[in-house]
Amino acid sequence: MKILALETSTEFCSIALSINEHIHDKEILAGNRHSEMLLPMIQELLTEVGLTLHQLDGIAFGAGPGSFTGLRIACGVAQGLAYALDLPVVGINTLEAAAQSVKAQKIIVALDARMGEIYHAAYDKATDQSWQIISLPTLCLPQHAPLCDGKEWQGCGSGFDLYHEILSTRYGNNLQTIYYAIRPRAKEIAQLALLQFCNGQTTDATKASPIYIRNKVALKENER
């Protein structure tokens, strides 16, 4: 199975090709230039591995949460390509993708949501391949992050980078290790999407949509 994965929810732009479970990927610090970099990156990677878009079996994208603009770019490109090629689509939660990059069983993920908040979720690796949601994805202040039972948790994500002291205090002895500089990447999007494609858990291109969680982009002047 050949799957193209896209991830643009942070300042990084990354793409990956999963070909019979072997993954080829590219990543670049894009800033706010995702829209101009994404399609050339896709074509470059396809050329490197000797594939064309018409040989793909499906397209996956980082659905969010994350940057509003970034999420719309990945979703829009995934929709456009999948619709034109008549391919199924899978949207992967970026919090789960961050958890996937850490080699541990019980993961608390906190991604920077700006405005002093974090996107938060907790996962347990129920099997060698799938994640069980222990704490649902949510938006919260770091000092109000949902607590998790047990003492075998690992932390990761940009939220831990920014709010290390607050989250370390919040979780105390529940947290064994914190992995820094962890972000959603297309490589992990592809890994997680492969399971859904194999299980038939796909959607039509026209129904693919981002996962925003937050319903506004910035504070109003009287809220600052």
Foldseek 3Di string as FASTA:
>chain_A
DWEKEWEQQEQKTKIWIQDVNDIDMDMDRNRPNNLVPVVVRVVVVCVVVVHDLLPHQAYEYAQDDGHPVRNCSRLVVRLVSCVVNVHWYYHDHFQVLLVLVDPFFKEWEWEDLPPQKTFIWIWGNPDPQDIDTPGDTAIDHLLPHDEDDAQRYEYEYVVCVVPVPSNCVNHPNNYDYYDYPGGRHRSSRVSNVVVCVVVVVTHRSVPDHHDHNDDDRDDDPVVD
